[in-house]
């Protein structure tokens, strides 16, 4: 099942027809370091938590508050994970799709339909692939927030193992502080080699 647009009528049909509706999203496609994290969540059908939206629009403080409310209203939650080595081996898109599938298959309750942010995964379950799903579909927004909090926590922990890159604030994205850390300390085991090619090319140009 695939629609080119997601509107109130389509949403109404889905929520009337299906009981266990799963939202799936990912966080961490763009960073130079760290994993990509996915989340699959089935929320209570009557759940409505004020402030839930695309995680990119929320502060960490707000997400931490929403996380507790989402956990209280969730029927089932599962996460998927692909580390930097996996990303380098099969590319970021395939690693993300694999992690999405893992999150779906690890749910304790089998959903009746899967709603995914702009992607299509390999599953026999009915699925709807929604453009800007993390903004327009509640279940996907919930998954987006949970995945973002989980990934940020991982990167904060990595910042203690690999200080000097600003992972506690940039979470692996290519900020000035991150590039300065690369120039000063070199790469870490959590850096994505396939994402650092431009950095290496720039370094070679100065030799």
C-alpha atoms as a PDB file:
ATOM      1  CA  UNK A   1       0.000   0.000   0.000  1.00  0.00           C
ATOM      2  CA  UNK A   2       1.447   3.356  -1.003  1.00  0.00           C
ATOM      3  CA  UNK A   3      -0.049   6.826  -1.299  1.00  0.00           C
ATOM      4  CA  UNK A   4       1.514   9.857  -2.925  1.00  0.00           C
ATOM      5  CA  UNK A   5      -0.001  12.078  -0.248  1.00  0.00           C
ATOM      6  CA  UNK A   6      -1.106  11.680   3.344  1.00  0.00           C
ATOM      7  CA  UNK A   7      -4.197  13.542   4.358  1.00  0.00           C
ATOM      8  CA  UNK A   8      -6.929  13.452   7.005  1.00  0.00           C
ATOM      9  CA  UNK A   9      -9.143  11.149   4.931  1.00  0.00           C
ATOM     10  CA  UNK A  10      -6.402   8.552   4.401  1.00  0.00           C
ATOM     11  CA  UNK A  11      -5.468   8.756   8.082  1.00  0.00           C
ATOM     12  CA  UNK A  12      -9.109   8.280   9.102  1.00  0.00           C
ATOM     13  CA  UNK A  13      -9.411   5.189   6.880  1.00  0.00           C
ATOM     14  CA  UNK A  14      -6.257   3.669   8.357  1.00  0.00           C
ATOM     15  CA  UNK A  15      -7.263   4.271  11.970  1.00  0.00           C
ATOM     16  CA  UNK A  16     -10.749   2.866  11.343  1.00  0.00           C
ATOM     17  CA  UNK A  17      -9.504  -0.244   9.530  1.00  0.00           C
ATOM     18  CA  UNK A  18      -6.458  -1.211  11.597  1.00  0.00           C
ATOM     19  CA  UNK A  19      -5.956  -1.750  15.305  1.00  0.00           C
ATOM     20  CA  UNK A  20      -2.204  -2.044  15.940  1.00  0.00           C
ATOM     21  CA  UNK A  21      -0.649   0.770  13.904  1.00  0.00           C
ATOM     22  CA  UNK A  22       3.145   0.896  13.902  1.00  0.00           C
ATOM     23  CA  UNK A  23       5.171   4.033  13.225  1.00  0.00           C
ATOM     24  CA  UNK A  24       8.822   3.694  12.196  1.00  0.00           C
ATOM     25  CA  UNK A  25      11.498   6.354  11.855  1.00  0.00           C
ATOM     26  CA  UNK A  26      15.266   6.718  11.843  1.00  0.00           C
ATOM     27  CA  UNK A  27      17.770   9.157  13.266  1.00  0.00           C
ATOM     28  CA  UNK A  28      21.401   9.606  12.299  1.00  0.00           C
ATOM     29  CA  UNK A  29      21.689   9.364   8.524  1.00  0.00           C
ATOM     30  CA  UNK A  30      23.799  12.470   8.150  1.00  0.00           C
ATOM     31  CA  UNK A  31      26.465  12.438  10.903  1.00  0.00           C
ATOM     32  CA  UNK A  32      30.134  11.718  10.290  1.00  0.00           C
ATOM     33  CA  UNK A  33      30.267   9.458  13.337  1.00  0.00           C
ATOM     34  CA  UNK A  34      28.074   7.126  15.332  1.00  0.00           C
ATOM     35  CA  UNK A  35      25.268   4.731  14.479  1.00  0.00           C
ATOM     36  CA  UNK A  36      21.960   5.143  12.748  1.00  0.00           C
ATOM     37  CA  UNK A  37      19.136   4.328  15.156  1.00  0.00           C
ATOM     38  CA  UNK A  38      15.612   3.298  14.217  1.00  0.00           C
ATOM     39  CA  UNK A  39      12.505   2.928  16.322  1.00  0.00           C
ATOM     40  CA  UNK A  40       9.250   1.070  15.771  1.00  0.00           C
ATOM     41  CA  UNK A  41       6.388   1.958  18.099  1.00  0.00           C
ATOM     42  CA  UNK A  42       2.744   0.997  18.421  1.00  0.00           C
ATOM     43  CA  UNK A  43       0.804   3.627  20.332  1.00  0.00           C
ATOM     44  CA  UNK A  44      -2.600   3.336  21.969  1.00  0.00           C
ATOM     45  CA  UNK A  45      -5.142   4.363  19.358  1.00  0.00           C
ATOM     46  CA  UNK A  46      -6.567   7.042  21.646  1.00  0.00           C
ATOM     47  CA  UNK A  47      -3.133   8.451  22.487  1.00  0.00           C
ATOM     48  CA  UNK A  48      -2.739  12.174  21.939  1.00  0.00           C
ATOM     49  CA  UNK A  49       0.293  13.779  23.540  1.00  0.00           C
ATOM     50  CA  UNK A  50       0.528  17.532  23.082  1.00  0.00           C
ATOM     51  CA  UNK A  51       3.793  18.664  21.522  1.00  0.00           C
ATOM     52  CA  UNK A  52       4.631  15.453  19.662  1.00  0.00           C
ATOM     53  CA  UNK A  53       6.143  16.315  16.285  1.00  0.00           C
ATOM     54  CA  UNK A  54       9.264  15.742  14.191  1.00  0.00           C
ATOM     55  CA  UNK A  55      12.203  15.378  16.599  1.00  0.00           C
ATOM     56  CA  UNK A  56      14.252  17.838  14.512  1.00  0.00           C
ATOM     57  CA  UNK A  57      11.913  20.581  15.705  1.00  0.00           C
ATOM     58  CA  UNK A  58      12.360  19.829  19.408  1.00  0.00           C
ATOM     59  CA  UNK A  59      14.962  20.628  22.042  1.00  0.00           C
ATOM     60  CA  UNK A  60      16.511  17.768  23.993  1.00  0.00           C
ATOM     61  CA  UNK A  61      14.767  18.945  27.166  1.00  0.00           C
ATOM     62  CA  UNK A  62      11.396  18.825  25.407  1.00  0.00           C
ATOM     63  CA  UNK A  63      12.122  15.413  23.895  1.00  0.00           C
ATOM     64  CA  UNK A  64      13.082  13.945  27.264  1.00  0.00           C
ATOM     65  CA  UNK A  65       9.775  15.125  28.671  1.00  0.00           C
ATOM     66  CA  UNK A  66       7.820  13.735  25.714  1.00  0.00           C
ATOM     67  CA  UNK A  67       9.719  10.456  25.846  1.00  0.00           C
ATOM     68  CA  UNK A  68       8.260   9.583  29.252  1.00  0.00           C
ATOM     69  CA  UNK A  69       4.736  10.355  28.047  1.00  0.00           C
ATOM     70  CA  UNK A  70       5.250   8.305  24.871  1.00  0.00           C
ATOM     71  CA  UNK A  71       6.535   5.332  26.869  1.00  0.00           C
ATOM     72  CA  UNK A  72       3.438   5.519  29.066  1.00  0.00           C
ATOM     73  CA  UNK A  73       1.118   5.455  26.040  1.00  0.00           C
ATOM     74  CA  UNK A  74       3.004   2.871  23.973  1.00  0.00           C
ATOM     75  CA  UNK A  75       1.775  -0.687  23.514  1.00  0.00           C
ATOM     76  CA  UNK A  76       5.063  -1.913  22.067  1.00  0.00           C
ATOM     77  CA  UNK A  77       8.480  -0.367  21.310  1.00  0.00           C
ATOM     78  CA  UNK A  78      11.564  -1.733  19.596  1.00  0.00           C
ATOM     79  CA  UNK A  79      14.821  -0.277  18.300  1.00  0.00           C
ATOM     80  CA  UNK A  80      17.153  -1.066  15.414  1.00  0.00           C
ATOM     81  CA  UNK A  81      20.832  -0.220  15.127  1.00  0.00           C
ATOM     82  CA  UNK A  82      23.521  -0.022  12.463  1.00  0.00           C
ATOM     83  CA  UNK A  83      27.040   0.988  13.487  1.00  0.00           C
ATOM     84  CA  UNK A  84      29.592   2.914  11.446  1.00  0.00           C
ATOM     85  CA  UNK A  85      31.227  -0.272  10.165  1.00  0.00           C
ATOM     86  CA  UNK A  86      27.914  -1.555   8.824  1.00  0.00           C
ATOM     87  CA  UNK A  87      27.200   1.810   7.224  1.00  0.00           C
ATOM     88  CA  UNK A  88      30.579   1.749   5.471  1.00  0.00           C
ATOM     89  CA  UNK A  89      30.039  -1.825   4.297  1.00  0.00           C
ATOM     90  CA  UNK A  90      26.596  -1.518   2.701  1.00  0.00           C
ATOM     91  CA  UNK A  91      25.951   2.279   2.520  1.00  0.00           C
ATOM     92  CA  UNK A  92      23.802   4.440   4.755  1.00  0.00           C
ATOM     93  CA  UNK A  93      20.465   3.800   3.015  1.00  0.00           C
ATOM     94  CA  UNK A  94      20.731   0.021   3.114  1.00  0.00           C
ATOM     95  CA  UNK A  95      21.961   0.144   6.703  1.00  0.00           C
ATOM     96  CA  UNK A  96      18.975   2.311   7.621  1.00  0.00           C
ATOM     97  CA  UNK A  97      16.465   0.032   5.898  1.00  0.00           C
ATOM     98  CA  UNK A  98      17.989  -2.989   7.622  1.00  0.00           C
ATOM     99  CA  UNK A  99      17.770  -1.287  11.012  1.00  0.00           C
ATOM    100  CA  UNK A 100      14.142  -0.336  10.325  1.00  0.00           C
ATOM    101  CA  UNK A 101      13.332  -3.955   9.499  1.00  0.00           C
ATOM    102  CA  UNK A 102      15.093  -5.131  12.664  1.00  0.00           C
ATOM    103  CA  UNK A 103      13.073  -2.723  14.786  1.00  0.00           C
ATOM    104  CA  UNK A 104       9.829  -3.926  13.197  1.00  0.00           C
ATOM    105  CA  UNK A 105      10.634  -7.614  13.575  1.00  0.00           C
ATOM    106  CA  UNK A 106      11.686  -7.210  17.207  1.00  0.00           C
ATOM    107  CA  UNK A 107       8.328  -5.808  18.325  1.00  0.00           C
ATOM    108  CA  UNK A 108       6.598  -7.993  20.899  1.00  0.00           C
ATOM    109  CA  UNK A 109       3.244  -7.311  19.241  1.00  0.00           C
ATOM    110  CA  UNK A 110       2.789  -7.752  15.493  1.00  0.00           C
ATOM    111  CA  UNK A 111       1.301  -4.620  13.939  1.00  0.00           C
ATOM    112  CA  UNK A 112      -1.546  -4.643  11.438  1.00  0.00           C
ATOM    113  CA  UNK A 113       0.036  -1.919   9.307  1.00  0.00           C
ATOM    114  CA  UNK A 114       3.375  -0.125   9.202  1.00  0.00           C
ATOM    115  CA  UNK A 115       3.671   3.640   8.648  1.00  0.00           C
ATOM    116  CA  UNK A 116       7.173   4.717   7.626  1.00  0.00           C
ATOM    117  CA  UNK A 117       8.784   8.088   7.065  1.00  0.00           C
ATOM    118  CA  UNK A 118       9.377   8.205   3.293  1.00  0.00           C
ATOM    119  CA  UNK A 119      10.900   4.737   3.010  1.00  0.00           C
ATOM    120  CA  UNK A 120       9.771   1.240   2.053  1.00  0.00           C
ATOM    121  CA  UNK A 121      11.090  -1.832   3.826  1.00  0.00           C
ATOM    122  CA  UNK A 122      11.010  -5.531   3.071  1.00  0.00           C
ATOM    123  CA  UNK A 123       7.980  -6.863   4.960  1.00  0.00           C
ATOM    124  CA  UNK A 124       4.843  -8.840   4.169  1.00  0.00           C
ATOM    125  CA  UNK A 125       2.817  -6.459   6.341  1.00  0.00           C
ATOM    126  CA  UNK A 126       0.806  -3.661   4.726  1.00  0.00           C
ATOM    127  CA  UNK A 127       2.843  -0.480   4.768  1.00  0.00           C
ATOM    128  CA  UNK A 128       2.309   3.152   3.964  1.00  0.00           C
ATOM    129  CA  UNK A 129       5.305   5.283   3.034  1.00  0.00           C
ATOM    130  CA  UNK A 130       4.633   8.866   4.040  1.00  0.00           C
ATOM    131  CA  UNK A 131       6.588  11.873   2.808  1.00  0.00           C
ATOM    132  CA  UNK A 132       7.468  13.985   5.857  1.00  0.00           C
ATOM    133  CA  UNK A 133       5.890  11.264   7.949  1.00  0.00           C
ATOM    134  CA  UNK A 134       7.823  12.355  11.041  1.00  0.00           C
ATOM    135  CA  UNK A 135       5.923  15.639  10.815  1.00  0.00           C
ATOM    136  CA  UNK A 136       2.531  14.472   9.543  1.00  0.00           C
ATOM    137  CA  UNK A 137       1.824  11.159  11.307  1.00  0.00           C
ATOM    138  CA  UNK A 138       1.614  10.872  15.086  1.00  0.00           C
ATOM    139  CA  UNK A 139       2.981   7.319  15.372  1.00  0.00           C
ATOM    140  CA  UNK A 140       6.013   8.198  13.242  1.00  0.00           C
ATOM    141  CA  UNK A 141       6.609  11.375  15.262  1.00  0.00           C
ATOM    142  CA  UNK A 142       6.646   9.280  18.435  1.00  0.00           C
ATOM    143  CA  UNK A 143       9.164   6.903  16.845  1.00  0.00           C
ATOM    144  CA  UNK A 144      11.265   9.872  15.737  1.00  0.00           C
ATOM    145  CA  UNK A 145      11.466  11.260  19.266  1.00  0.00           C
ATOM    146  CA  UNK A 146      12.338   7.904  20.846  1.00  0.00           C
ATOM    147  CA  UNK A 147      15.010   7.207  18.228  1.00  0.00           C
ATOM    148  CA  UNK A 148      16.527  10.680  18.638  1.00  0.00           C
ATOM    149  CA  UNK A 149      16.737  10.440  22.422  1.00  0.00           C
ATOM    150  CA  UNK A 150      18.278   6.958  22.179  1.00  0.00           C
ATOM    151  CA  UNK A 151      20.893   8.096  19.648  1.00  0.00           C
ATOM    152  CA  UNK A 152      21.739  11.277  21.544  1.00  0.00           C
ATOM    153  CA  UNK A 153      22.277   9.214  24.707  1.00  0.00           C
ATOM    154  CA  UNK A 154      24.647   6.931  22.796  1.00  0.00           C
ATOM    155  CA  UNK A 155      26.638   9.861  21.438  1.00  0.00           C
ATOM    156  CA  UNK A 156      26.851  11.506  24.873  1.00  0.00           C
ATOM    157  CA  UNK A 157      28.351   8.268  26.174  1.00  0.00           C
ATOM    158  CA  UNK A 158      30.767   8.189  23.234  1.00  0.00           C
ATOM    159  CA  UNK A 159      31.856  11.736  24.100  1.00  0.00           C
ATOM    160  CA  UNK A 160      33.260  10.356  27.363  1.00  0.00           C
ATOM    161  CA  UNK A 161      35.208   7.664  25.524  1.00  0.00           C
ATOM    162  CA  UNK A 162      36.346   9.951  22.709  1.00  0.00           C
ATOM    163  CA  UNK A 163      36.599  13.505  24.114  1.00  0.00           C
ATOM    164  CA  UNK A 164      37.578  16.442  21.957  1.00  0.00           C
ATOM    165  CA  UNK A 165      35.067  16.071  19.122  1.00  0.00           C
ATOM    166  CA  UNK A 166      32.044  17.652  20.781  1.00  0.00           C
ATOM    167  CA  UNK A 167      29.899  14.535  20.461  1.00  0.00           C
ATOM    168  CA  UNK A 168      27.950  15.603  23.549  1.00  0.00           C
ATOM    169  CA  UNK A 169      26.564  18.588  21.629  1.00  0.00           C
ATOM    170  CA  UNK A 170      26.956  17.862  17.889  1.00  0.00           C
ATOM    171  CA  UNK A 171      26.073  14.151  18.217  1.00  0.00           C
ATOM    172  CA  UNK A 172      28.477  13.286  15.407  1.00  0.00           C
ATOM    173  CA  UNK A 173      27.355  15.855  12.839  1.00  0.00           C
ATOM    174  CA  UNK A 174      29.964  17.811  10.917  1.00  0.00           C
ATOM    175  CA  UNK A 175      30.270  20.925  13.049  1.00  0.00           C
ATOM    176  CA  UNK A 176      33.313  23.167  13.283  1.00  0.00           C
ATOM    177  CA  UNK A 177      34.234  21.640  16.654  1.00  0.00           C
ATOM    178  CA  UNK A 178      33.962  18.153  15.186  1.00  0.00           C
ATOM    179  CA  UNK A 179      36.264  18.967  12.257  1.00  0.00           C
ATOM    180  CA  UNK A 180      38.722  20.618  14.609  1.00  0.00           C
ATOM    181  CA  UNK A 181      38.720  17.445  16.699  1.00  0.00           C
ATOM    182  CA  UNK A 182      39.419  15.364  13.609  1.00  0.00           C
ATOM    183  CA  UNK A 183      42.348  17.579  12.668  1.00  0.00           C
ATOM    184  CA  UNK A 184      43.779  17.459  16.182  1.00  0.00           C
ATOM    185  CA  UNK A 185      43.089  13.874  17.263  1.00  0.00           C
ATOM    186  CA  UNK A 186      42.366  11.984  14.055  1.00  0.00           C
ATOM    187  CA  UNK A 187      39.558   9.480  13.565  1.00  0.00           C
ATOM    188  CA  UNK A 188      37.900   7.198  16.095  1.00  0.00           C
ATOM    189  CA  UNK A 189      36.461   3.706  15.609  1.00  0.00           C
ATOM    190  CA  UNK A 190      32.960   5.208  15.456  1.00  0.00           C
ATOM    191  CA  UNK A 191      33.710   7.479  12.494  1.00  0.00           C
ATOM    192  CA  UNK A 192      32.197   6.574   9.129  1.00  0.00           C
ATOM    193  CA  UNK A 193      34.998   6.218   6.609  1.00  0.00           C
ATOM    194  CA  UNK A 194      32.583   6.602   3.702  1.00  0.00           C
ATOM    195  CA  UNK A 195      31.471   9.962   5.125  1.00  0.00           C
ATOM    196  CA  UNK A 196      35.010  11.269   5.714  1.00  0.00           C
ATOM    197  CA  UNK A 197      36.264  11.127   2.129  1.00  0.00           C
ATOM    198  CA  UNK A 198      35.779  14.857   1.576  1.00  0.00           C
ATOM    199  CA  UNK A 199      37.621  15.551   4.825  1.00  0.00           C
ATOM    200  CA  UNK A 200      40.522  13.354   3.710  1.00  0.00           C
ATOM    201  CA  UNK A 201      40.573  15.010   0.291  1.00  0.00           C
ATOM    202  CA  UNK A 202      40.729  18.413   1.937  1.00  0.00           C
ATOM    203  CA  UNK A 203      43.590  17.276   4.164  1.00  0.00           C
ATOM    204  CA  UNK A 204      45.550  15.928   1.190  1.00  0.00           C
ATOM    205  CA  UNK A 205      45.101  19.208  -0.667  1.00  0.00           C
ATOM    206  CA  UNK A 206      47.189  20.943   2.007  1.00  0.00           C
ATOM    207  CA  UNK A 207      50.086  18.510   1.690  1.00  0.00           C
END
